[in-house]
PDB file of N, CA and C in Angstrom:
ATOM      1  N   LEU A   1      -9.929  27.501  15.457  1.00  0.00           N
ATOM      2  CA  LEU A   1      -8.844  27.154  14.556  1.00  0.00           C
ATOM      3  C   LEU A   1      -7.617  27.953  14.960  1.00  0.00           C
ATOM      4  N   LYS A   2      -6.533  27.269  15.211  1.00  0.00           N
ATOM      5  CA  LYS A   2      -5.315  27.913  15.675  1.00  0.00           C
ATOM      6  C   LYS A   2      -4.535  28.531  14.508  1.00  0.00           C
ATOM      7  N   TYR A   3      -3.853  29.625  14.794  1.00  0.00           N
ATOM      8  CA  TYR A   3      -3.043  30.270  13.761  1.00  0.00           C
ATOM      9  C   TYR A   3      -1.863  29.368  13.397  1.00  0.00           C
ATOM     10  N   GLY A   4      -1.307  29.575  12.223  1.00  0.00           N
ATOM     11  CA  GLY A   4      -0.160  28.790  11.773  1.00  0.00           C
ATOM     12  C   GLY A   4       1.142  29.425  12.208  1.00  0.00           C
ATOM     13  N   GLN A   5       1.874  28.721  13.059  1.00  0.00           N
ATOM     14  CA  GLN A   5       3.187  29.194  13.495  1.00  0.00           C
ATOM     15  C   GLN A   5       4.118  29.207  12.290  1.00  0.00           C
ATOM     16  N   ILE A   6       4.799  30.314  12.061  1.00  0.00           N
ATOM     17  CA  ILE A   6       5.685  30.436  10.900  1.00  0.00           C
ATOM     18  C   ILE A   6       6.964  29.655  11.166  1.00  0.00           C
ATOM     19  N   LEU A   7       7.211  28.650  10.330  1.00  0.00           N
ATOM     20  CA  LEU A   7       8.394  27.809  10.471  1.00  0.00           C
ATOM     21  C   LEU A   7       9.021  27.553   9.107  1.00  0.00           C
ATOM     22  N   PHE A   8      10.337  27.456   9.091  1.00  0.00           N
ATOM     23  CA  PHE A   8      11.052  27.033   7.897  1.00  0.00           C
ATOM     24  C   PHE A   8      10.900  25.515   7.774  1.00  0.00           C
ATOM     25  N   LEU A   9      11.013  24.979   6.571  1.00  0.00           N
ATOM     26  CA  LEU A   9      10.934  23.532   6.388  1.00  0.00           C
ATOM     27  C   LEU A   9      11.952  22.806   7.267  1.00  0.00           C
ATOM     28  N   GLU A  10      13.140  23.353   7.357  1.00  0.00           N
ATOM     29  CA  GLU A  10      14.196  22.762   8.183  1.00  0.00           C
ATOM     30  C   GLU A  10      13.748  22.609   9.636  1.00  0.00           C
ATOM     31  N   GLU A  11      13.057  23.619  10.164  1.00  0.00           N
ATOM     32  CA  GLU A  11      12.586  23.562  11.546  1.00  0.00           C
ATOM     33  C   GLU A  11      11.497  22.505  11.728  1.00  0.00           C
ATOM     34  N   ILE A  12      10.629  22.379  10.736  1.00  0.00           N
ATOM     35  CA  ILE A  12       9.570  21.365  10.804  1.00  0.00           C
ATOM     36  C   ILE A  12      10.194  19.978  10.828  1.00  0.00           C
ATOM     37  N   LEU A  13      11.172  19.756   9.970  1.00  0.00           N
ATOM     38  CA  LEU A  13      11.798  18.447   9.881  1.00  0.00           C
ATOM     39  C   LEU A  13      12.632  18.121  11.116  1.00  0.00           C
ATOM     40  N   GLN A  14      13.235  19.119  11.738  1.00  0.00           N
ATOM     41  CA  GLN A  14      14.043  18.898  12.935  1.00  0.00           C
ATOM     42  C   GLN A  14      13.193  18.609  14.167  1.00  0.00           C
ATOM     43  N   ASP A  15      11.978  19.125  14.211  1.00  0.00           N
ATOM     44  CA  ASP A  15      11.130  18.994  15.404  1.00  0.00           C
ATOM     45  C   ASP A  15       9.853  18.209  15.094  1.00  0.00           C
ATOM     46  N   GLN A  16       9.965  17.212  14.242  1.00  0.00           N
ATOM     47  CA  GLN A  16       8.809  16.460  13.752  1.00  0.00           C
ATOM     48  C   GLN A  16       7.919  15.930  14.856  1.00  0.00           C
ATOM     49  N   SER A  17       8.510  15.272  15.837  1.00  0.00           N
ATOM     50  CA  SER A  17       7.705  14.599  16.862  1.00  0.00           C
ATOM     51  C   SER A  17       6.880  15.578  17.681  1.00  0.00           C
ATOM     52  N   ASN A  18       7.385  16.768  17.907  1.00  0.00           N
ATOM     53  CA  ASN A  18       6.656  17.770  18.692  1.00  0.00           C
ATOM     54  C   ASN A  18       5.639  18.551  17.866  1.00  0.00           C
ATOM     55  N   LEU A  19       5.753  18.494  16.542  1.00  0.00           N
ATOM     56  CA  LEU A  19       4.888  19.312  15.692  1.00  0.00           C
ATOM     57  C   LEU A  19       3.667  18.577  15.139  1.00  0.00           C
ATOM     58  N   VAL A  20       3.624  17.263  15.263  1.00  0.00           N
ATOM     59  CA  VAL A  20       2.470  16.517  14.749  1.00  0.00           C
ATOM     60  C   VAL A  20       1.211  17.034  15.434  1.00  0.00           C
ATOM     61  N   GLY A  21       0.228  17.433  14.639  1.00  0.00           N
ATOM     62  CA  GLY A  21      -1.014  18.012  15.145  1.00  0.00           C
ATOM     63  C   GLY A  21      -0.983  19.524  15.248  1.00  0.00           C
ATOM     64  N   SER A  22       0.195  20.118  15.072  1.00  0.00           N
ATOM     65  CA  SER A  22       0.330  21.574  15.178  1.00  0.00           C
ATOM     66  C   SER A  22      -0.049  22.257  13.872  1.00  0.00           C
ATOM     67  N   SER A  23      -0.494  23.504  14.005  1.00  0.00           N
ATOM     68  CA  SER A  23      -0.804  24.340  12.866  1.00  0.00           C
ATOM     69  C   SER A  23       0.429  25.167  12.527  1.00  0.00           C
ATOM     70  N   VAL A  24       0.885  25.093  11.268  1.00  0.00           N
ATOM     71  CA  VAL A  24       2.088  25.806  10.856  1.00  0.00           C
ATOM     72  C   VAL A  24       1.858  26.542   9.537  1.00  0.00           C
ATOM     73  N   ARG A  25       2.726  27.521   9.323  1.00  0.00           N
ATOM     74  CA  ARG A  25       2.774  28.224   8.040  1.00  0.00           C
ATOM     75  C   ARG A  25       4.198  28.095   7.529  1.00  0.00           C
ATOM     76  N   THR A  26       4.342  27.628   6.302  1.00  0.00           N
ATOM     77  CA  THR A  26       5.671  27.441   5.736  1.00  0.00           C
ATOM     78  C   THR A  26       5.625  27.715   4.246  1.00  0.00           C
ATOM     79  N   LEU A  27       6.791  27.744   3.645  1.00  0.00           N
ATOM     80  CA  LEU A  27       6.830  27.974   2.200  1.00  0.00           C
ATOM     81  C   LEU A  27       7.886  27.122   1.549  1.00  0.00           C
ATOM     82  N   GLY A  28       7.711  26.927   0.259  1.00  0.00           N
ATOM     83  CA  GLY A  28       8.674  26.178  -0.519  1.00  0.00           C
ATOM     84  C   GLY A  28       8.285  26.179  -1.983  1.00  0.00           C
ATOM     85  N   LYS A  29       9.226  25.751  -2.795  1.00  0.00           N
ATOM     86  CA  LYS A  29       9.001  25.662  -4.233  1.00  0.00           C
ATOM     87  C   LYS A  29       8.344  24.324  -4.540  1.00  0.00           C
ATOM     88  N   LEU A  30       7.253  24.355  -5.305  1.00  0.00           N
ATOM     89  CA  LEU A  30       6.544  23.140  -5.681  1.00  0.00           C
ATOM     90  C   LEU A  30       7.348  22.408  -6.759  1.00  0.00           C
ATOM     91  N   ILE A  31       7.877  21.230  -6.402  1.00  0.00           N
ATOM     92  CA  ILE A  31       8.717  20.513  -7.361  1.00  0.00           C
ATOM     93  C   ILE A  31       8.042  19.263  -7.918  1.00  0.00           C
ATOM     94  N   GLU A  32       7.007  18.769  -7.214  1.00  0.00           N
ATOM     95  CA  GLU A  32       6.229  17.634  -7.703  1.00  0.00           C
ATOM     96  C   GLU A  32       4.779  17.855  -7.316  1.00  0.00           C
ATOM     97  N   TYR A  33       3.863  17.351  -8.162  1.00  0.00           N
ATOM     98  CA  TYR A  33       2.452  17.399  -7.796  1.00  0.00           C
ATOM     99  C   TYR A  33       1.699  16.292  -8.513  1.00  0.00           C
ATOM    100  N   ASN A  34       0.872  15.554  -7.759  1.00  0.00           N
ATOM    101  CA  ASN A  34       0.041  14.495  -8.308  1.00  0.00           C
ATOM    102  C   ASN A  34      -1.410  14.935  -8.179  1.00  0.00           C
ATOM    103  N   VAL A  35      -2.041  15.210  -9.286  1.00  0.00           N
ATOM    104  CA  VAL A  35      -3.416  15.710  -9.292  1.00  0.00           C
ATOM    105  C   VAL A  35      -4.376  14.668  -8.720  1.00  0.00           C
ATOM    106  N   THR A  36      -4.144  13.411  -9.009  1.00  0.00           N
ATOM    107  CA  THR A  36      -5.034  12.339  -8.560  1.00  0.00           C
ATOM    108  C   THR A  36      -5.045  12.208  -7.036  1.00  0.00           C
ATOM    109  N   SER A  37      -3.872  12.224  -6.430  1.00  0.00           N
ATOM    110  CA  SER A  37      -3.790  12.062  -4.968  1.00  0.00           C
ATOM    111  C   SER A  37      -3.839  13.389  -4.220  1.00  0.00           C
ATOM    112  N   CYS A  38      -3.794  14.512  -4.946  1.00  0.00           N
ATOM    113  CA  CYS A  38      -3.771  15.857  -4.341  1.00  0.00           C
ATOM    114  C   CYS A  38      -2.574  16.030  -3.413  1.00  0.00           C
ATOM    115  N   LYS A  39      -1.443  15.491  -3.819  1.00  0.00           N
ATOM    116  CA  LYS A  39      -0.228  15.606  -3.005  1.00  0.00           C
ATOM    117  C   LYS A  39       0.891  16.203  -3.824  1.00  0.00           C
ATOM    118  N   GLY A  40       1.636  17.083  -3.157  1.00  0.00           N
ATOM    119  CA  GLY A  40       2.764  17.717  -3.802  1.00  0.00           C
ATOM    120  C   GLY A  40       3.969  17.701  -2.896  1.00  0.00           C
ATOM    121  N   LEU A  41       5.107  17.981  -3.453  1.00  0.00           N
ATOM    122  CA  LEU A  41       6.356  18.043  -2.701  1.00  0.00           C
ATOM    123  C   LEU A  41       6.926  19.439  -2.867  1.00  0.00           C
ATOM    124  N   ILE A  42       7.248  20.069  -1.730  1.00  0.00           N
ATOM    125  CA  ILE A  42       7.870  21.392  -1.788  1.00  0.00           C
ATOM    126  C   ILE A  42       9.303  21.291  -1.265  1.00  0.00           C
ATOM    127  N   GLU A  43      10.115  22.256  -1.705  1.00  0.00           N
ATOM    128  CA  GLU A  43      11.527  22.300  -1.326  1.00  0.00           C
ATOM    129  C   GLU A  43      11.921  23.725  -0.975  1.00  0.00           C
ATOM    130  N   HIS A  44      12.734  23.854   0.076  1.00  0.00           N
ATOM    131  CA  HIS A  44      13.333  25.142   0.442  1.00  0.00           C
ATOM    132  C   HIS A  44      14.650  24.849   1.141  1.00  0.00           C
ATOM    133  N   ASN A  45      15.720  25.425   0.631  1.00  0.00           N
ATOM    134  CA  ASN A  45      17.064  25.221   1.173  1.00  0.00           C
ATOM    135  C   ASN A  45      17.415  23.740   1.322  1.00  0.00           C
ATOM    136  N   ASN A  46      17.093  22.959   0.306  1.00  0.00           N
ATOM    137  CA  ASN A  46      17.400  21.535   0.255  1.00  0.00           C
ATOM    138  C   ASN A  46      16.672  20.708   1.328  1.00  0.00           C
ATOM    139  N   ASN A  47      15.556  21.208   1.819  1.00  0.00           N
ATOM    140  CA  ASN A  47      14.665  20.486   2.726  1.00  0.00           C
ATOM    141  C   ASN A  47      13.356  20.253   1.986  1.00  0.00           C
ATOM    142  N   PHE A  48      12.720  19.108   2.228  1.00  0.00           N
ATOM    143  CA  PHE A  48      11.547  18.707   1.463  1.00  0.00           C
ATOM    144  C   PHE A  48      10.398  18.338   2.396  1.00  0.00           C
ATOM    145  N   LEU A  49       9.164  18.670   1.980  1.00  0.00           N
ATOM    146  CA  LEU A  49       7.985  18.322   2.761  1.00  0.00           C
ATOM    147  C   LEU A  49       6.832  18.001   1.811  1.00  0.00           C
ATOM    148  N   MET A  50       6.110  16.922   2.142  1.00  0.00           N
ATOM    149  CA  MET A  50       4.931  16.530   1.367  1.00  0.00           C
ATOM    150  C   MET A  50       3.757  17.405   1.796  1.00  0.00           C
ATOM    151  N   ILE A  51       2.980  17.865   0.818  1.00  0.00           N
ATOM    152  CA  ILE A  51       1.815  18.711   1.068  1.00  0.00           C
ATOM    153  C   ILE A  51       0.571  17.990   0.554  1.00  0.00           C
ATOM    154  N   ASN A  52      -0.438  17.885   1.403  1.00  0.00           N
ATOM    155  CA  ASN A  52      -1.733  17.328   1.016  1.00  0.00           C
ATOM    156  C   ASN A  52      -2.660  18.504   0.728  1.00  0.00           C
ATOM    157  N   THR A  53      -3.129  18.613  -0.507  1.00  0.00           N
ATOM    158  CA  THR A  53      -3.983  19.746  -0.895  1.00  0.00           C
ATOM    159  C   THR A  53      -5.445  19.348  -1.057  1.00  0.00           C
ATOM    160  N   SER A  54      -5.830  18.186  -0.533  1.00  0.00           N
ATOM    161  CA  SER A  54      -7.202  17.704  -0.740  1.00  0.00           C
ATOM    162  C   SER A  54      -8.253  18.593  -0.079  1.00  0.00           C
ATOM    163  N   PHE A  55      -7.858  19.428   0.889  1.00  0.00           N
ATOM    164  CA  PHE A  55      -8.805  20.332   1.540  1.00  0.00           C
ATOM    165  C   PHE A  55      -8.971  21.648   0.785  1.00  0.00           C
ATOM    166  N   LEU A  56      -8.182  21.835  -0.262  1.00  0.00           N
ATOM    167  CA  LEU A  56      -8.234  23.072  -1.050  1.00  0.00           C
ATOM    168  C   LEU A  56      -9.082  22.847  -2.291  1.00  0.00           C
ATOM    169  N   ASP A  57      -9.934  23.790  -2.610  1.00  0.00           N
ATOM    170  CA  ASP A  57     -10.721  23.709  -3.841  1.00  0.00           C
ATOM    171  C   ASP A  57      -9.870  24.158  -5.019  1.00  0.00           C
ATOM    172  N   ASN A  58      -9.713  23.285  -5.991  1.00  0.00           N
ATOM    173  CA  ASN A  58      -9.011  23.628  -7.233  1.00  0.00           C
ATOM    174  C   ASN A  58      -7.662  24.291  -6.995  1.00  0.00           C
ATOM    175  N   PHE A  59      -6.760  23.579  -6.329  1.00  0.00           N
ATOM    176  CA  PHE A  59      -5.414  24.109  -6.093  1.00  0.00           C
ATOM    177  C   PHE A  59      -4.743  24.391  -7.431  1.00  0.00           C
ATOM    178  N   PRO A  60      -4.404  25.660  -7.708  1.00  0.00           N
ATOM    179  CA  PRO A  60      -3.834  26.032  -9.008  1.00  0.00           C
ATOM    180  C   PRO A  60      -2.319  25.798  -9.042  1.00  0.00           C
ATOM    181  N   PHE A  61      -1.905  24.551  -9.060  1.00  0.00           N
ATOM    182  CA  PHE A  61      -0.487  24.248  -8.970  1.00  0.00           C
ATOM    183  C   PHE A  61       0.279  24.686 -10.213  1.00  0.00           C
ATOM    184  N   LYS A  62       1.486  25.139  -9.976  1.00  0.00           N
ATOM    185  CA  LYS A  62       2.386  25.534 -11.057  1.00  0.00           C
ATOM    186  C   LYS A  62       3.783  25.101 -10.614  1.00  0.00           C
ATOM    187  N   PHE A  63       4.371  24.191 -11.357  1.00  0.00           N
ATOM    188  CA  PHE A  63       5.678  23.670 -10.992  1.00  0.00           C
ATOM    189  C   PHE A  63       6.729  24.771 -10.919  1.00  0.00           C
ATOM    190  N   ASN A  64       7.642  24.612  -9.975  1.00  0.00           N
ATOM    191  CA  ASN A  64       8.754  25.540  -9.739  1.00  0.00           C
ATOM    192  C   ASN A  64       8.297  26.920  -9.287  1.00  0.00           C
ATOM    193  N   SER A  65       7.048  27.024  -8.858  1.00  0.00           N
ATOM    194  CA  SER A  65       6.571  28.272  -8.263  1.00  0.00           C
ATOM    195  C   SER A  65       6.707  28.167  -6.750  1.00  0.00           C
ATOM    196  N   LEU A  66       6.831  29.316  -6.130  1.00  0.00           N
ATOM    197  CA  LEU A  66       6.969  29.393  -4.677  1.00  0.00           C
ATOM    198  C   LEU A  66       5.579  29.538  -4.068  1.00  0.00           C
ATOM    199  N   TYR A  67       5.266  28.668  -3.102  1.00  0.00           N
ATOM    200  CA  TYR A  67       3.972  28.691  -2.430  1.00  0.00           C
ATOM    201  C   TYR A  67       4.149  28.798  -0.934  1.00  0.00           C
ATOM    202  N   GLN A  68       3.188  29.454  -0.311  1.00  0.00           N
ATOM    203  CA  GLN A  68       3.111  29.497   1.149  1.00  0.00           C
ATOM    204  C   GLN A  68       1.859  28.712   1.530  1.00  0.00           C
ATOM    205  N   PHE A  69       2.012  27.835   2.523  1.00  0.00           N
ATOM    206  CA  PHE A  69       0.918  26.979   2.969  1.00  0.00           C
ATOM    207  C   PHE A  69       0.662  27.170   4.455  1.00  0.00           C
ATOM    208  N   ILE A  70      -0.602  27.099   4.845  1.00  0.00           N
ATOM    209  CA  ILE A  70      -0.989  27.052   6.250  1.00  0.00           C
ATOM    210  C   ILE A  70      -1.801  25.777   6.424  1.00  0.00           C
ATOM    211  N   GLY A  71      -1.452  25.008   7.440  1.00  0.00           N
ATOM    212  CA  GLY A  71      -2.166  23.763   7.679  1.00  0.00           C
ATOM    213  C   GLY A  71      -1.627  23.037   8.882  1.00  0.00           C
ATOM    214  N   GLU A  72      -2.049  21.795   9.010  1.00  0.00           N
ATOM    215  CA  GLU A  72      -1.684  20.998  10.171  1.00  0.00           C
ATOM    216  C   GLU A  72      -0.705  19.888   9.773  1.00  0.00           C
ATOM    217  N   ILE A  73       0.273  19.683  10.650  1.00  0.00           N
ATOM    218  CA  ILE A  73       1.281  18.650  10.431  1.00  0.00           C
ATOM    219  C   ILE A  73       0.713  17.303  10.867  1.00  0.00           C
ATOM    220  N   GLU A  74       0.934  16.312  10.018  1.00  0.00           N
ATOM    221  CA  GLU A  74       0.449  14.957  10.303  1.00  0.00           C
ATOM    222  C   GLU A  74       1.505  13.954   9.866  1.00  0.00           C
ATOM    223  N   ARG A  75       1.550  12.850  10.559  1.00  0.00           N
ATOM    224  CA  ARG A  75       2.413  11.750  10.121  1.00  0.00           C
ATOM    225  C   ARG A  75       1.524  10.750   9.397  1.00  0.00           C
ATOM    226  N   ASN A  76       1.800  10.546   8.125  1.00  0.00           N
ATOM    227  CA  ASN A  76       1.049   9.619   7.289  1.00  0.00           C
ATOM    228  C   ASN A  76       1.970   8.442   6.985  1.00  0.00           C
ATOM    229  N   ARG A  77       1.691   7.311   7.610  1.00  0.00           N
ATOM    230  CA  ARG A  77       2.595   6.149   7.591  1.00  0.00           C
ATOM    231  C   ARG A  77       3.912   6.608   8.209  1.00  0.00           C
ATOM    232  N   ASP A  78       4.992   6.532   7.476  1.00  0.00           N
ATOM    233  CA  ASP A  78       6.284   6.986   8.007  1.00  0.00           C
ATOM    234  C   ASP A  78       6.671   8.353   7.465  1.00  0.00           C
ATOM    235  N   GLU A  79       5.730   9.010   6.783  1.00  0.00           N
ATOM    236  CA  GLU A  79       6.051  10.268   6.118  1.00  0.00           C
ATOM    237  C   GLU A  79       5.341  11.440   6.784  1.00  0.00           C
ATOM    238  N   LEU A  80       6.081  12.511   6.977  1.00  0.00           N
ATOM    239  CA  LEU A  80       5.505  13.728   7.525  1.00  0.00           C
ATOM    240  C   LEU A  80       4.845  14.497   6.387  1.00  0.00           C
ATOM    241  N   GLN A  81       3.662  15.062   6.651  1.00  0.00           N
ATOM    242  CA  GLN A  81       3.013  15.869   5.614  1.00  0.00           C
ATOM    243  C   GLN A  81       2.257  17.019   6.256  1.00  0.00           C
ATOM    244  N   LEU A  82       2.037  18.044   5.470  1.00  0.00           N
ATOM    245  CA  LEU A  82       1.242  19.193   5.885  1.00  0.00           C
ATOM    246  C   LEU A  82      -0.105  19.097   5.179  1.00  0.00           C
ATOM    247  N   ASN A  83      -1.179  19.046   5.950  1.00  0.00           N
ATOM    248  CA  ASN A  83      -2.523  19.068   5.387  1.00  0.00           C
ATOM    249  C   ASN A  83      -2.910  20.533   5.210  1.00  0.00           C
ATOM    250  N   ALA A  84      -2.723  21.034   4.012  1.00  0.00           N
ATOM    251  CA  ALA A  84      -2.906  22.456   3.741  1.00  0.00           C
ATOM    252  C   ALA A  84      -4.381  22.837   3.732  1.00  0.00           C
ATOM    253  N   ARG A  85      -4.695  23.936   4.429  1.00  0.00           N
ATOM    254  CA  ARG A  85      -6.046  24.502   4.367  1.00  0.00           C
ATOM    255  C   ARG A  85      -6.026  25.851   3.667  1.00  0.00           C
ATOM    256  N   VAL A  86      -4.824  26.430   3.515  1.00  0.00           N
ATOM    257  CA  VAL A  86      -4.636  27.688   2.784  1.00  0.00           C
ATOM    258  C   VAL A  86      -3.362  27.548   1.956  1.00  0.00           C
ATOM    259  N   ALA A  87      -3.424  28.013   0.722  1.00  0.00           N
ATOM    260  CA  ALA A  87      -2.241  28.027  -0.139  1.00  0.00           C
ATOM    261  C   ALA A  87      -2.270  29.295  -0.963  1.00  0.00           C
ATOM    262  N   ARG A  88      -1.100  29.878  -1.125  1.00  0.00           N
ATOM    263  CA  ARG A  88      -1.023  31.053  -2.008  1.00  0.00           C
ATOM    264  C   ARG A  88       0.317  31.066  -2.713  1.00  0.00           C
ATOM    265  N   ASN A  89       0.282  31.512  -3.935  1.00  0.00           N
ATOM    266  CA  ASN A  89       1.486  31.637  -4.727  1.00  0.00           C
ATOM    267  C   ASN A  89       2.207  32.904  -4.291  1.00  0.00           C
ATOM    268  N   VAL A  90       3.499  32.764  -3.970  1.00  0.00           N
ATOM    269  CA  VAL A  90       4.285  33.914  -3.532  1.00  0.00           C
ATOM    270  C   VAL A  90       5.510  34.099  -4.420  1.00  0.00           C
ATOM    271  N   ASP A  91       5.356  33.779  -5.718  1.00  0.00           N
ATOM    272  CA  ASP A  91       6.440  34.040  -6.661  1.00  0.00           C
ATOM    273  C   ASP A  91       6.828  35.510  -6.563  1.00  0.00           C
ATOM    274  N   GLY A  92       8.104  35.776  -6.609  1.00  0.00           N
ATOM    275  CA  GLY A  92       8.574  37.153  -6.519  1.00  0.00           C
ATOM    276  C   GLY A  92       8.961  37.558  -5.111  1.00  0.00           C
ATOM    277  N   LEU A  93       8.632  36.728  -4.120  1.00  0.00           N
ATOM    278  CA  LEU A  93       9.007  37.023  -2.743  1.00  0.00           C
ATOM    279  C   LEU A  93      10.522  36.954  -2.613  1.00  0.00           C
ATOM    280  N   ASP A  94      11.119  37.963  -2.020  1.00  0.00           N
ATOM    281  CA  ASP A  94      12.559  37.983  -1.771  1.00  0.00           C
ATOM    282  C   ASP A  94      12.829  37.060  -0.582  1.00  0.00           C
ATOM    283  N   LEU A  95      13.312  35.859  -0.843  1.00  0.00           N
ATOM    284  CA  LEU A  95      13.497  34.865   0.210  1.00  0.00           C
ATOM    285  C   LEU A  95      14.548  35.261   1.238  1.00  0.00           C
ATOM    286  N   ASP A  96      15.610  35.932   0.813  1.00  0.00           N
ATOM    287  CA  ASP A  96      16.622  36.387   1.773  1.00  0.00           C
ATOM    288  C   ASP A  96      16.016  37.397   2.741  1.00  0.00           C
ATOM    289  N   LEU A  97      15.259  38.339   2.216  1.00  0.00           N
ATOM    290  CA  LEU A  97      14.607  39.332   3.062  1.00  0.00           C
ATOM    291  C   LEU A  97      13.566  38.674   3.967  1.00  0.00           C
ATOM    292  N   TYR A  98      12.815  37.720   3.440  1.00  0.00           N
ATOM    293  CA  TYR A  98      11.826  36.984   4.228  1.00  0.00           C
ATOM    294  C   TYR A  98      12.511  36.276   5.398  1.00  0.00           C
ATOM    295  N   ASP A  99      13.600  35.564   5.114  1.00  0.00           N
ATOM    296  CA  ASP A  99      14.331  34.849   6.162  1.00  0.00           C
ATOM    297  C   ASP A  99      14.855  35.807   7.224  1.00  0.00           C
ATOM    298  N   ARG A 100      15.447  36.901   6.792  1.00  0.00           N
ATOM    299  CA  ARG A 100      15.989  37.878   7.751  1.00  0.00           C
ATOM    300  C   ARG A 100      14.889  38.512   8.584  1.00  0.00           C
ATOM    301  N   SER A 101      13.770  38.885   7.948  1.00  0.00           N
ATOM    302  CA  SER A 101      12.692  39.546   8.693  1.00  0.00           C
ATOM    303  C   SER A 101      12.043  38.590   9.688  1.00  0.00           C
ATOM    304  N   LEU A 102      11.948  37.312   9.338  1.00  0.00           N
ATOM    305  CA  LEU A 102      11.393  36.336  10.278  1.00  0.00           C
ATOM    306  C   LEU A 102      12.307  36.193  11.491  1.00  0.00           C
ATOM    307  N   ARG A 103      13.591  36.178  11.281  1.00  0.00           N
ATOM    308  CA  ARG A 103      14.537  36.078  12.402  1.00  0.00           C
ATOM    309  C   ARG A 103      14.468  37.330  13.290  1.00  0.00           C
ATOM    310  N   VAL A 104      14.346  38.505  12.688  1.00  0.00           N
ATOM    311  CA  VAL A 104      14.216  39.744  13.458  1.00  0.00           C
ATOM    312  C   VAL A 104      12.919  39.732  14.264  1.00  0.00           C
ATOM    313  N   MET A 105      11.822  39.283  13.649  1.00  0.00           N
ATOM    314  CA  MET A 105      10.537  39.212  14.350  1.00  0.00           C
ATOM    315  C   MET A 105      10.626  38.274  15.548  1.00  0.00           C
ATOM    316  N   ARG A 106      11.270  37.138  15.371  1.00  0.00           N
ATOM    317  CA  ARG A 106      11.414  36.185  16.476  1.00  0.00           C
ATOM    318  C   ARG A 106      12.230  36.776  17.619  1.00  0.00           C
ATOM    319  N   THR A 107      13.309  37.463  17.290  1.00  0.00           N
ATOM    320  CA  THR A 107      14.127  38.110  18.322  1.00  0.00           C
ATOM    321  C   THR A 107      13.301  39.145  19.077  1.00  0.00           C
ATOM    322  N   PHE A 108      12.533  39.933  18.349  1.00  0.00           N
ATOM    323  CA  PHE A 108      11.670  40.939  18.973  1.00  0.00           C
ATOM    324  C   PHE A 108      10.663  40.288  19.915  1.00  0.00           C
ATOM    325  N   LEU A 109      10.024  39.215  19.467  1.00  0.00           N
ATOM    326  CA  LEU A 109       9.020  38.545  20.297  1.00  0.00           C
ATOM    327  C   LEU A 109       9.637  37.944  21.555  1.00  0.00           C
ATOM    328  N   ILE A 110      10.837  37.398  21.437  1.00  0.00           N
ATOM    329  CA  ILE A 110      11.531  36.851  22.614  1.00  0.00           C
ATOM    330  C   ILE A 110      11.887  37.967  23.569  1.00  0.00           C
ATOM    331  N   ASP A 111      12.413  39.076  23.033  1.00  0.00           N
ATOM    332  CA  ASP A 111      12.766  40.220  23.884  1.00  0.00           C
ATOM    333  C   ASP A 111      11.546  40.804  24.565  1.00  0.00           C
ATOM    334  N   THR A 112      10.446  40.895  23.832  1.00  0.00           N
ATOM    335  CA  THR A 112       9.212  41.442  24.394  1.00  0.00           C
ATOM    336  C   THR A 112       8.668  40.547  25.487  1.00  0.00           C
ATOM    337  N   ALA A 113       8.701  39.245  25.261  1.00  0.00           N
ATOM    338  CA  ALA A 113       8.219  38.301  26.271  1.00  0.00           C
ATOM    339  C   ALA A 113       9.093  38.372  27.516  1.00  0.00           C
ATOM    340  N   TYR A 114      10.407  38.536  27.331  1.00  0.00           N
ATOM    341  CA  TYR A 114      11.323  38.615  28.458  1.00  0.00           C
ATOM    342  C   TYR A 114      11.089  39.869  29.292  1.00  0.00           C
ATOM    343  N   THR A 115      10.853  41.006  28.649  1.00  0.00           N
ATOM    344  CA  THR A 115      10.654  42.263  29.379  1.00  0.00           C
ATOM    345  C   THR A 115       9.289  42.338  30.035  1.00  0.00           C
ATOM    346  N   ASN A 116       8.316  41.541  29.568  1.00  0.00           N
ATOM    347  CA  ASN A 116       6.984  41.548  30.161  1.00  0.00           C
ATOM    348  C   ASN A 116       6.832  40.584  31.328  1.00  0.00           C
ATOM    349  N   GLN A 117       7.904  39.909  31.701  1.00  0.00           N
ATOM    350  CA  GLN A 117       7.822  38.968  32.812  1.00  0.00           C
ATOM    351  C   GLN A 117       7.991  39.653  34.137  1.00  0.00           C
TER     352      GLN A 117
END
């Protein structure tokens, strides 16, 4: 099982064709959820992604809460969705700090890869 590459919703939506089948980790606020279909919609910075939670046992959904998901990207009909295998509530997470630290980590990893060549 491959690790989930940390991506913002915006990045997933911009690179849809290359990400289908990929394992990703992303976060967003749960704004819709259908218990019958086990599908929810998350939002972050005005970007939206459908989440399939059918692989999760008793997903404890709470509207307007912030969740982090790990799963695989799939195209279902004409809609992109994340088939979540892990979900956790991250209410209270400082999103500005999260965004900044992710960008710093990426810069570090690029610099490290460059110096190791």
